[in-house]
Amino acid sequence: MLKDDMAIHAGIPEKAVKAALLKIRENETYAGVTWDLGKTRSGRPIKIYFEAETMTEIHAVKKQLEQVLDEAGFDLYP
């Protein structure tokens, strides 16, 4: 299994990130990727740790997460 992480800046609420991940989980395309949210602290980035068989799968989930958050009105790169 390959592992990778992603940091989401503190301006995006953890609740929104969790909702986006739940929405992604509904899609069978990303069934091979698992993730875990790191311990979050106020004013600090949200860390997400991904695990999958290939980096292509991880990159696809990251891109989808960015897209879902963008559609929800959150700017990942302020």
PDB file of N, CA and C in Angstrom:
ATOM      1  N   MET A   1       0.836  -1.187   0.000  1.00  0.00           N
ATOM      2  CA  MET A   1       0.000   0.000   0.000  1.00  0.00           C
ATOM      3  C   MET A   1       0.878   1.247   0.000  1.00  0.00           C
ATOM      4  N   LEU A   2       0.456   2.220  -0.784  1.00  0.00           N
ATOM      5  CA  LEU A   2       1.147   3.503  -0.830  1.00  0.00           C
ATOM      6  C   LEU A   2       0.396   4.506   0.021  1.00  0.00           C
ATOM      7  N   LYS A   3       1.149   5.432   0.590  1.00  0.00           N
ATOM      8  CA  LYS A   3       0.544   6.440   1.455  1.00  0.00           C
ATOM      9  C   LYS A   3       0.952   7.826   0.990  1.00  0.00           C
ATOM     10  N   ASP A   4       0.063   8.780   1.212  1.00  0.00           N
ATOM     11  CA  ASP A   4       0.325  10.182   0.888  1.00  0.00           C
ATOM     12  C   ASP A   4      -0.578  11.021   1.781  1.00  0.00           C
ATOM     13  N   ASP A   5      -0.235  12.279   1.924  1.00  0.00           N
ATOM     14  CA  ASP A   5      -1.084  13.135   2.732  1.00  0.00           C
ATOM     15  C   ASP A   5      -1.399  14.424   1.994  1.00  0.00           C
ATOM     16  N   MET A   6      -2.304  15.175   2.570  1.00  0.00           N
ATOM     17  CA  MET A   6      -2.751  16.442   1.987  1.00  0.00           C
ATOM     18  C   MET A   6      -3.092  17.376   3.137  1.00  0.00           C
ATOM     19  N   ALA A   7      -2.706  18.619   3.017  1.00  0.00           N
ATOM     20  CA  ALA A   7      -3.038  19.614   4.034  1.00  0.00           C
ATOM     21  C   ALA A   7      -4.038  20.602   3.436  1.00  0.00           C
ATOM     22  N   ILE A   8      -5.111  20.828   4.159  1.00  0.00           N
ATOM     23  CA  ILE A   8      -6.136  21.792   3.762  1.00  0.00           C
ATOM     24  C   ILE A   8      -6.006  22.969   4.724  1.00  0.00           C
ATOM     25  N   HIS A   9      -5.904  24.183   4.200  1.00  0.00           N
ATOM     26  CA  HIS A   9      -5.670  25.327   5.080  1.00  0.00           C
ATOM     27  C   HIS A   9      -6.797  25.532   6.083  1.00  0.00           C
ATOM     28  N   ALA A  10      -6.460  26.171   7.177  1.00  0.00           N
ATOM     29  CA  ALA A  10      -7.359  26.301   8.328  1.00  0.00           C
ATOM     30  C   ALA A  10      -8.610  27.126   8.035  1.00  0.00           C
ATOM     31  N   GLY A  11      -8.635  27.860   6.929  1.00  0.00           N
ATOM     32  CA  GLY A  11      -9.804  28.669   6.592  1.00  0.00           C
ATOM     33  C   GLY A  11     -11.003  27.850   6.154  1.00  0.00           C
ATOM     34  N   ILE A  12     -10.789  26.578   5.869  1.00  0.00           N
ATOM     35  CA  ILE A  12     -11.883  25.694   5.465  1.00  0.00           C
ATOM     36  C   ILE A  12     -12.282  24.875   6.695  1.00  0.00           C
ATOM     37  N   PRO A  13     -13.546  24.906   7.077  1.00  0.00           N
ATOM     38  CA  PRO A  13     -13.978  24.180   8.271  1.00  0.00           C
ATOM     39  C   PRO A  13     -13.810  22.664   8.133  1.00  0.00           C
ATOM     40  N   GLU A  14     -13.444  22.031   9.223  1.00  0.00           N
ATOM     41  CA  GLU A  14     -13.278  20.572   9.239  1.00  0.00           C
ATOM     42  C   GLU A  14     -14.575  19.877   8.837  1.00  0.00           C
ATOM     43  N   LYS A  15     -15.690  20.455   9.242  1.00  0.00           N
ATOM     44  CA  LYS A  15     -17.009  19.908   8.911  1.00  0.00           C
ATOM     45  C   LYS A  15     -17.206  19.834   7.388  1.00  0.00           C
ATOM     46  N   ALA A  16     -16.733  20.855   6.661  1.00  0.00           N
ATOM     47  CA  ALA A  16     -16.860  20.880   5.204  1.00  0.00           C
ATOM     48  C   ALA A  16     -15.965  19.818   4.558  1.00  0.00           C
ATOM     49  N   VAL A  17     -14.779  19.639   5.111  1.00  0.00           N
ATOM     50  CA  VAL A  17     -13.856  18.625   4.589  1.00  0.00           C
ATOM     51  C   VAL A  17     -14.452  17.230   4.793  1.00  0.00           C
ATOM     52  N   LYS A  18     -14.996  16.979   5.978  1.00  0.00           N
ATOM     53  CA  LYS A  18     -15.615  15.678   6.256  1.00  0.00           C
ATOM     54  C   LYS A  18     -16.799  15.423   5.329  1.00  0.00           C
ATOM     55  N   ALA A  19     -17.609  16.458   5.085  1.00  0.00           N
ATOM     56  CA  ALA A  19     -18.757  16.311   4.190  1.00  0.00           C
ATOM     57  C   ALA A  19     -18.293  15.999   2.768  1.00  0.00           C
ATOM     58  N   ALA A  20     -17.228  16.648   2.329  1.00  0.00           N
ATOM     59  CA  ALA A  20     -16.691  16.395   0.985  1.00  0.00           C
ATOM     60  C   ALA A  20     -16.164  14.972   0.881  1.00  0.00           C
ATOM     61  N   LEU A  21     -15.482  14.491   1.919  1.00  0.00           N
ATOM     62  CA  LEU A  21     -14.969  13.123   1.905  1.00  0.00           C
ATOM     63  C   LEU A  21     -16.109  12.102   1.897  1.00  0.00           C
ATOM     64  N   LEU A  22     -17.184  12.379   2.619  1.00  0.00           N
ATOM     65  CA  LEU A  22     -18.349  11.484   2.595  1.00  0.00           C
ATOM     66  C   LEU A  22     -18.976  11.442   1.204  1.00  0.00           C
ATOM     67  N   LYS A  23     -19.026  12.573   0.558  1.00  0.00           N
ATOM     68  CA  LYS A  23     -19.569  12.630  -0.801  1.00  0.00           C
ATOM     69  C   LYS A  23     -18.705  11.807  -1.757  1.00  0.00           C
ATOM     70  N   ILE A  24     -17.393  11.900  -1.592  1.00  0.00           N
ATOM     71  CA  ILE A  24     -16.476  11.122  -2.436  1.00  0.00           C
ATOM     72  C   ILE A  24     -16.633   9.632  -2.152  1.00  0.00           C
ATOM     73  N   ARG A  25     -16.837   9.271  -0.898  1.00  0.00           N
ATOM     74  CA  ARG A  25     -16.970   7.864  -0.513  1.00  0.00           C
ATOM     75  C   ARG A  25     -18.151   7.206  -1.225  1.00  0.00           C
ATOM     76  N   GLU A  26     -19.178   7.977  -1.552  1.00  0.00           N
ATOM     77  CA  GLU A  26     -20.357   7.444  -2.243  1.00  0.00           C
ATOM     78  C   GLU A  26     -20.032   6.959  -3.649  1.00  0.00           C
ATOM     79  N   ASN A  27     -18.948   7.481  -4.235  1.00  0.00           N
ATOM     80  CA  ASN A  27     -18.557   7.132  -5.595  1.00  0.00           C
ATOM     81  C   ASN A  27     -17.730   5.843  -5.577  1.00  0.00           C
ATOM     82  N   GLU A  28     -18.203   4.813  -6.247  1.00  0.00           N
ATOM     83  CA  GLU A  28     -17.517   3.512  -6.293  1.00  0.00           C
ATOM     84  C   GLU A  28     -16.120   3.604  -6.915  1.00  0.00           C
ATOM     85  N   THR A  29     -15.879   4.618  -7.723  1.00  0.00           N
ATOM     86  CA  THR A  29     -14.588   4.780  -8.389  1.00  0.00           C
ATOM     87  C   THR A  29     -13.445   4.866  -7.389  1.00  0.00           C
ATOM     88  N   TYR A  30     -13.717   5.430  -6.223  1.00  0.00           N
ATOM     89  CA  TYR A  30     -12.669   5.665  -5.228  1.00  0.00           C
ATOM     90  C   TYR A  30     -12.704   4.659  -4.085  1.00  0.00           C
ATOM     91  N   ALA A  31     -13.318   3.511  -4.323  1.00  0.00           N
ATOM     92  CA  ALA A  31     -13.471   2.508  -3.269  1.00  0.00           C
ATOM     93  C   ALA A  31     -12.128   1.942  -2.796  1.00  0.00           C
ATOM     94  N   GLY A  32     -11.108   1.963  -3.631  1.00  0.00           N
ATOM     95  CA  GLY A  32      -9.807   1.409  -3.267  1.00  0.00           C
ATOM     96  C   GLY A  32      -8.945   2.340  -2.429  1.00  0.00           C
ATOM     97  N   VAL A  33      -9.437   3.533  -2.152  1.00  0.00           N
ATOM     98  CA  VAL A  33      -8.651   4.515  -1.402  1.00  0.00           C
ATOM     99  C   VAL A  33      -9.274   4.695  -0.019  1.00  0.00           C
ATOM    100  N   THR A  34      -8.420   4.643   0.999  1.00  0.00           N
ATOM    101  CA  THR A  34      -8.880   4.918   2.357  1.00  0.00           C
ATOM    102  C   THR A  34      -8.213   6.201   2.837  1.00  0.00           C
ATOM    103  N   TRP A  35      -8.834   6.841   3.812  1.00  0.00           N
ATOM    104  CA  TRP A  35      -8.244   8.059   4.356  1.00  0.00           C
ATOM    105  C   TRP A  35      -8.580   8.197   5.822  1.00  0.00           C
ATOM    106  N   ASP A  36      -7.781   9.029   6.465  1.00  0.00           N
ATOM    107  CA  ASP A  36      -7.968   9.293   7.883  1.00  0.00           C
ATOM    108  C   ASP A  36      -7.614  10.752   8.124  1.00  0.00           C
ATOM    109  N   LEU A  37      -8.440  11.424   8.906  1.00  0.00           N
ATOM    110  CA  LEU A  37      -8.142  12.813   9.264  1.00  0.00           C
ATOM    111  C   LEU A  37      -7.213  12.818  10.463  1.00  0.00           C
ATOM    112  N   GLY A  38      -6.177  13.625  10.357  1.00  0.00           N
ATOM    113  CA  GLY A  38      -5.282  13.770  11.491  1.00  0.00           C
ATOM    114  C   GLY A  38      -5.932  14.593  12.587  1.00  0.00           C
ATOM    115  N   LYS A  39      -5.284  14.652  13.718  1.00  0.00           N
ATOM    116  CA  LYS A  39      -5.779  15.450  14.834  1.00  0.00           C
ATOM    117  C   LYS A  39      -5.784  16.913  14.414  1.00  0.00           C
ATOM    118  N   THR A  40      -6.925  17.567  14.547  1.00  0.00           N
ATOM    119  CA  THR A  40      -7.028  18.960  14.115  1.00  0.00           C
ATOM    120  C   THR A  40      -6.994  19.898  15.311  1.00  0.00           C
ATOM    121  N   ARG A  41      -6.347  21.027  15.090  1.00  0.00           N
ATOM    122  CA  ARG A  41      -6.286  22.074  16.105  1.00  0.00           C
ATOM    123  C   ARG A  41      -6.722  23.376  15.472  1.00  0.00           C
ATOM    124  N   SER A  42      -7.349  24.193  16.240  1.00  0.00           N
ATOM    125  CA  SER A  42      -7.840  25.484  15.757  1.00  0.00           C
ATOM    126  C   SER A  42      -6.691  26.321  15.188  1.00  0.00           C
ATOM    127  N   GLY A  43      -6.932  26.875  14.004  1.00  0.00           N
ATOM    128  CA  GLY A  43      -5.933  27.728  13.373  1.00  0.00           C
ATOM    129  C   GLY A  43      -4.819  26.986  12.661  1.00  0.00           C
ATOM    130  N   ARG A  44      -4.871  25.675  12.626  1.00  0.00           N
ATOM    131  CA  ARG A  44      -3.849  24.847  11.967  1.00  0.00           C
ATOM    132  C   ARG A  44      -4.466  24.136  10.766  1.00  0.00           C
ATOM    133  N   PRO A  45      -3.662  23.820   9.764  1.00  0.00           N
ATOM    134  CA  PRO A  45      -4.190  23.099   8.600  1.00  0.00           C
ATOM    135  C   PRO A  45      -4.782  21.740   8.986  1.00  0.00           C
ATOM    136  N   ILE A  46      -5.723  21.278   8.190  1.00  0.00           N
ATOM    137  CA  ILE A  46      -6.331  19.963   8.373  1.00  0.00           C
ATOM    138  C   ILE A  46      -5.511  18.968   7.554  1.00  0.00           C
ATOM    139  N   LYS A  47      -4.999  17.936   8.196  1.00  0.00           N
ATOM    140  CA  LYS A  47      -4.207  16.922   7.492  1.00  0.00           C
ATOM    141  C   LYS A  47      -5.085  15.710   7.198  1.00  0.00           C
ATOM    142  N   ILE A  48      -4.980  15.240   5.969  1.00  0.00           N
ATOM    143  CA  ILE A  48      -5.693  14.037   5.550  1.00  0.00           C
ATOM    144  C   ILE A  48      -4.647  13.050   5.058  1.00  0.00           C
ATOM    145  N   TYR A  49      -4.706  11.843   5.578  1.00  0.00           N
ATOM    146  CA  TYR A  49      -3.753  10.802   5.204  1.00  0.00           C
ATOM    147  C   TYR A  49      -4.459   9.777   4.329  1.00  0.00           C
ATOM    148  N   PHE A  50      -3.965   9.604   3.105  1.00  0.00           N
ATOM    149  CA  PHE A  50      -4.566   8.684   2.141  1.00  0.00           C
ATOM    150  C   PHE A  50      -3.725   7.422   2.032  1.00  0.00           C
ATOM    151  N   GLU A  51      -4.391   6.308   1.684  1.00  0.00           N
ATOM    152  CA  GLU A  51      -3.716   5.048   1.462  1.00  0.00           C
ATOM    153  C   GLU A  51      -4.425   4.311   0.322  1.00  0.00           C
ATOM    154  N   ALA A  52      -3.626   3.811  -0.641  1.00  0.00           N
ATOM    155  CA  ALA A  52      -4.188   3.077  -1.784  1.00  0.00           C
ATOM    156  C   ALA A  52      -3.106   2.213  -2.415  1.00  0.00           C
ATOM    157  N   GLU A  53      -3.521   1.391  -3.354  1.00  0.00           N
ATOM    158  CA  GLU A  53      -2.586   0.517  -4.065  1.00  0.00           C
ATOM    159  C   GLU A  53      -1.675   1.299  -5.018  1.00  0.00           C
ATOM    160  N   THR A  54      -2.224   2.359  -5.640  1.00  0.00           N
ATOM    161  CA  THR A  54      -1.430   3.141  -6.597  1.00  0.00           C
ATOM    162  C   THR A  54      -1.524   4.637  -6.284  1.00  0.00           C
ATOM    163  N   MET A  55      -0.508   5.362  -6.677  1.00  0.00           N
ATOM    164  CA  MET A  55      -0.518   6.813  -6.495  1.00  0.00           C
ATOM    165  C   MET A  55      -1.564   7.459  -7.398  1.00  0.00           C
ATOM    166  N   THR A  56      -1.862   6.844  -8.521  1.00  0.00           N
ATOM    167  CA  THR A  56      -2.881   7.370  -9.429  1.00  0.00           C
ATOM    168  C   THR A  56      -4.221   7.461  -8.725  1.00  0.00           C
ATOM    169  N   GLU A  57      -4.552   6.441  -7.935  1.00  0.00           N
ATOM    170  CA  GLU A  57      -5.808   6.447  -7.182  1.00  0.00           C
ATOM    171  C   GLU A  57      -5.816   7.579  -6.153  1.00  0.00           C
ATOM    172  N   ILE A  58      -4.707   7.746  -5.464  1.00  0.00           N
ATOM    173  CA  ILE A  58      -4.615   8.802  -4.450  1.00  0.00           C
ATOM    174  C   ILE A  58      -4.743  10.175  -5.084  1.00  0.00           C
ATOM    175  N   HIS A  59      -4.041  10.383  -6.196  1.00  0.00           N
ATOM    176  CA  HIS A  59      -4.113  11.677  -6.885  1.00  0.00           C
ATOM    177  C   HIS A  59      -5.526  11.961  -7.390  1.00  0.00           C
ATOM    178  N   ALA A  60      -6.234  10.929  -7.842  1.00  0.00           N
ATOM    179  CA  ALA A  60      -7.604  11.111  -8.317  1.00  0.00           C
ATOM    180  C   ALA A  60      -8.518  11.560  -7.178  1.00  0.00           C
ATOM    181  N   VAL A  61      -8.352  10.964  -6.002  1.00  0.00           N
ATOM    182  CA  VAL A  61      -9.175  11.344  -4.853  1.00  0.00           C
ATOM    183  C   VAL A  61      -8.842  12.775  -4.417  1.00  0.00           C
ATOM    184  N   LYS A  62      -7.563  13.114  -4.404  1.00  0.00           N
ATOM    185  CA  LYS A  62      -7.168  14.481  -4.030  1.00  0.00           C
ATOM    186  C   LYS A  62      -7.791  15.499  -4.978  1.00  0.00           C
ATOM    187  N   LYS A  63      -7.723  15.208  -6.273  1.00  0.00           N
ATOM    188  CA  LYS A  63      -8.295  16.112  -7.272  1.00  0.00           C
ATOM    189  C   LYS A  63      -9.811  16.228  -7.084  1.00  0.00           C
ATOM    190  N   GLN A  64     -10.465  15.105  -6.808  1.00  0.00           N
ATOM    191  CA  GLN A  64     -11.907  15.115  -6.582  1.00  0.00           C
ATOM    192  C   GLN A  64     -12.248  15.908  -5.324  1.00  0.00           C
ATOM    193  N   LEU A  65     -11.459  15.771  -4.275  1.00  0.00           N
ATOM    194  CA  LEU A  65     -11.684  16.521  -3.041  1.00  0.00           C
ATOM    195  C   LEU A  65     -11.569  18.018  -3.300  1.00  0.00           C
ATOM    196  N   GLU A  66     -10.560  18.408  -4.049  1.00  0.00           N
ATOM    197  CA  GLU A  66     -10.401  19.822  -4.410  1.00  0.00           C
ATOM    198  C   GLU A  66     -11.622  20.317  -5.172  1.00  0.00           C
ATOM    199  N   GLN A  67     -12.102  19.513  -6.107  1.00  0.00           N
ATOM    200  CA  GLN A  67     -13.251  19.892  -6.925  1.00  0.00           C
ATOM    201  C   GLN A  67     -14.513  20.030  -6.076  1.00  0.00           C
ATOM    202  N   VAL A  68     -14.757  19.079  -5.183  1.00  0.00           N
ATOM    203  CA  VAL A  68     -15.956  19.118  -4.339  1.00  0.00           C
ATOM    204  C   VAL A  68     -15.917  20.344  -3.423  1.00  0.00           C
ATOM    205  N   LEU A  69     -14.773  20.624  -2.824  1.00  0.00           N
ATOM    206  CA  LEU A  69     -14.662  21.791  -1.951  1.00  0.00           C
ATOM    207  C   LEU A  69     -14.805  23.086  -2.738  1.00  0.00           C
ATOM    208  N   ASP A  70     -14.260  23.120  -3.949  1.00  0.00           N
ATOM    209  CA  ASP A  70     -14.384  24.295  -4.806  1.00  0.00           C
ATOM    210  C   ASP A  70     -15.844  24.542  -5.175  1.00  0.00           C
ATOM    211  N   GLU A  71     -16.554  23.462  -5.525  1.00  0.00           N
ATOM    212  CA  GLU A  71     -17.982  23.593  -5.865  1.00  0.00           C
ATOM    213  C   GLU A  71     -18.806  24.052  -4.670  1.00  0.00           C
ATOM    214  N   ALA A  72     -18.332  23.737  -3.464  1.00  0.00           N
ATOM    215  CA  ALA A  72     -19.026  24.153  -2.249  1.00  0.00           C
ATOM    216  C   ALA A  72     -18.702  25.614  -1.878  1.00  0.00           C
ATOM    217  N   GLY A  73     -17.826  26.235  -2.656  1.00  0.00           N
ATOM    218  CA  GLY A  73     -17.499  27.634  -2.437  1.00  0.00           C
ATOM    219  C   GLY A  73     -16.279  27.898  -1.586  1.00  0.00           C
ATOM    220  N   PHE A  74     -15.451  26.875  -1.356  1.00  0.00           N
ATOM    221  CA  PHE A  74     -14.242  27.055  -0.558  1.00  0.00           C
ATOM    222  C   PHE A  74     -13.040  27.199  -1.476  1.00  0.00           C
ATOM    223  N   ASP A  75     -12.219  28.197  -1.204  1.00  0.00           N
ATOM    224  CA  ASP A  75     -11.022  28.443  -1.990  1.00  0.00           C
ATOM    225  C   ASP A  75      -9.835  27.749  -1.336  1.00  0.00           C
ATOM    226  N   LEU A  76      -9.330  26.704  -1.980  1.00  0.00           N
ATOM    227  CA  LEU A  76      -8.214  25.948  -1.414  1.00  0.00           C
ATOM    228  C   LEU A  76      -6.900  26.707  -1.455  1.00  0.00           C
ATOM    229  N   TYR A  77      -6.789  27.634  -2.357  1.00  0.00           N
ATOM    230  CA  TYR A  77      -5.528  28.367  -2.519  1.00  0.00           C
ATOM    231  C   TYR A  77      -5.788  29.862  -2.397  1.00  0.00           C
ATOM    232  N   PRO A  78      -5.967  30.336  -1.163  1.00  0.00           N
ATOM    233  CA  PRO A  78      -6.295  31.764  -0.981  1.00  0.00           C
ATOM    234  C   PRO A  78      -5.113  32.675  -1.264  1.00  0.00           C
TER     235      PRO A  78
END
